[in-house]
Amino acid sequence: MSRRSLPYVDRQSVVARLGQCRQAMIELRAGSPPRSLARASADQMISNIDELVWILTGERDLFVTKGHGTNLGR
């Protein structure tokens, strides 16, 4: 059985876009009431984005900020 190769993907571009999506989910979460479906969905999306970025880059904490700075993979 032969293994299929994946098409070329510009990983930096994908990671940058995922960073924008993650920021939007953080904003949604911040504006949603506690224990709401929107907040739970945003939490799950943030988790999924972090996992996908880990798969693409090998870095688990790429979007995790230290102190008061921001790090969106730039």
Protein backbone atom coordinates (compact mmCIF):
# COMPACT_ATOMS: atom_id res chain seq x y z
CA MET A 1 0.00 0.00 0.00
CA SER A 2 1.52 3.33 -1.03
CA ARG A 3 1.39 6.38 1.11
CA ARG A 4 -0.20 9.50 -0.40
CA SER A 5 1.65 12.74 0.06
CA LEU A 6 -0.14 15.88 1.11
CA PRO A 7 -0.17 18.90 -1.18
CA TYR A 8 2.17 21.81 -0.40
CA VAL A 9 0.80 24.13 2.26
CA ASP A 10 2.22 27.54 3.15
CA ARG A 11 2.34 26.80 6.87
CA GLN A 12 3.28 30.33 7.92
CA SER A 13 0.25 31.73 6.12
CA VAL A 14 -2.04 29.12 7.65
CA VAL A 15 -0.65 29.75 11.14
CA ALA A 16 -1.11 33.51 10.72
CA ARG A 17 -4.75 33.04 9.72
CA LEU A 18 -5.32 30.65 12.59
CA GLY A 19 -3.93 33.33 14.89
CA GLN A 20 -6.57 35.74 13.61
CA CYS A 21 -9.30 33.14 14.13
CA ARG A 22 -8.03 32.42 17.62
CA GLN A 23 -8.11 36.13 18.48
CA ALA A 24 -11.72 36.33 17.24
CA MET A 25 -12.64 33.35 19.45
CA ILE A 26 -11.01 35.03 22.45
CA GLU A 27 -13.10 38.14 21.80
CA LEU A 28 -16.26 36.04 21.43
CA ARG A 29 -15.48 34.24 24.68
CA ALA A 30 -14.89 37.50 26.52
CA GLY A 31 -18.25 38.88 25.37
CA SER A 32 -20.27 35.76 26.12
CA PRO A 33 -22.07 35.01 29.35
CA PRO A 34 -20.63 32.31 31.62
CA ARG A 35 -21.90 28.79 30.89
CA SER A 36 -23.26 29.81 27.48
CA LEU A 37 -23.05 27.77 24.30
CA ALA A 38 -21.10 30.57 22.59
CA ARG A 39 -18.48 30.58 25.34
CA ALA A 40 -18.14 26.79 25.33
CA SER A 41 -17.86 26.77 21.54
CA ALA A 42 -15.18 29.48 21.61
CA ASP A 43 -13.22 27.51 24.21
CA GLN A 44 -13.36 24.39 22.04
CA MET A 45 -12.33 26.31 18.92
CA ILE A 46 -9.35 27.82 20.76
CA SER A 47 -8.31 24.34 21.84
CA ASN A 48 -8.68 22.99 18.29
CA ILE A 49 -6.68 25.89 16.81
CA ASP A 50 -3.89 25.33 19.34
CA GLU A 51 -3.77 21.64 18.46
CA LEU A 52 -3.69 22.30 14.72
CA VAL A 53 -0.90 24.86 15.13
CA TRP A 54 1.02 22.29 17.17
CA ILE A 55 0.63 19.79 14.32
CA LEU A 56 1.80 22.36 11.75
CA THR A 57 4.71 23.85 13.71
CA GLY A 58 5.63 21.42 16.46
CA GLU A 59 5.26 24.24 19.00
CA ARG A 60 2.62 23.67 21.65
CA ASP A 61 2.59 27.20 23.05
CA LEU A 62 3.00 29.34 19.95
CA PHE A 63 0.06 31.62 20.80
CA VAL A 64 0.57 31.61 24.57
CA THR A 65 1.62 35.03 25.77
CA LYS A 66 4.11 35.74 28.51
CA GLY A 67 3.35 38.61 30.86
CA HIS A 68 1.53 41.47 29.18
CA GLY A 69 2.89 41.01 25.68
CA THR A 70 1.07 39.61 22.68
CA ASN A 71 2.36 36.88 20.38
CA LEU A 72 0.28 36.05 17.33
CA GLY A 73 2.97 34.12 15.53
CA ARG A 74 4.45 37.15 13.79
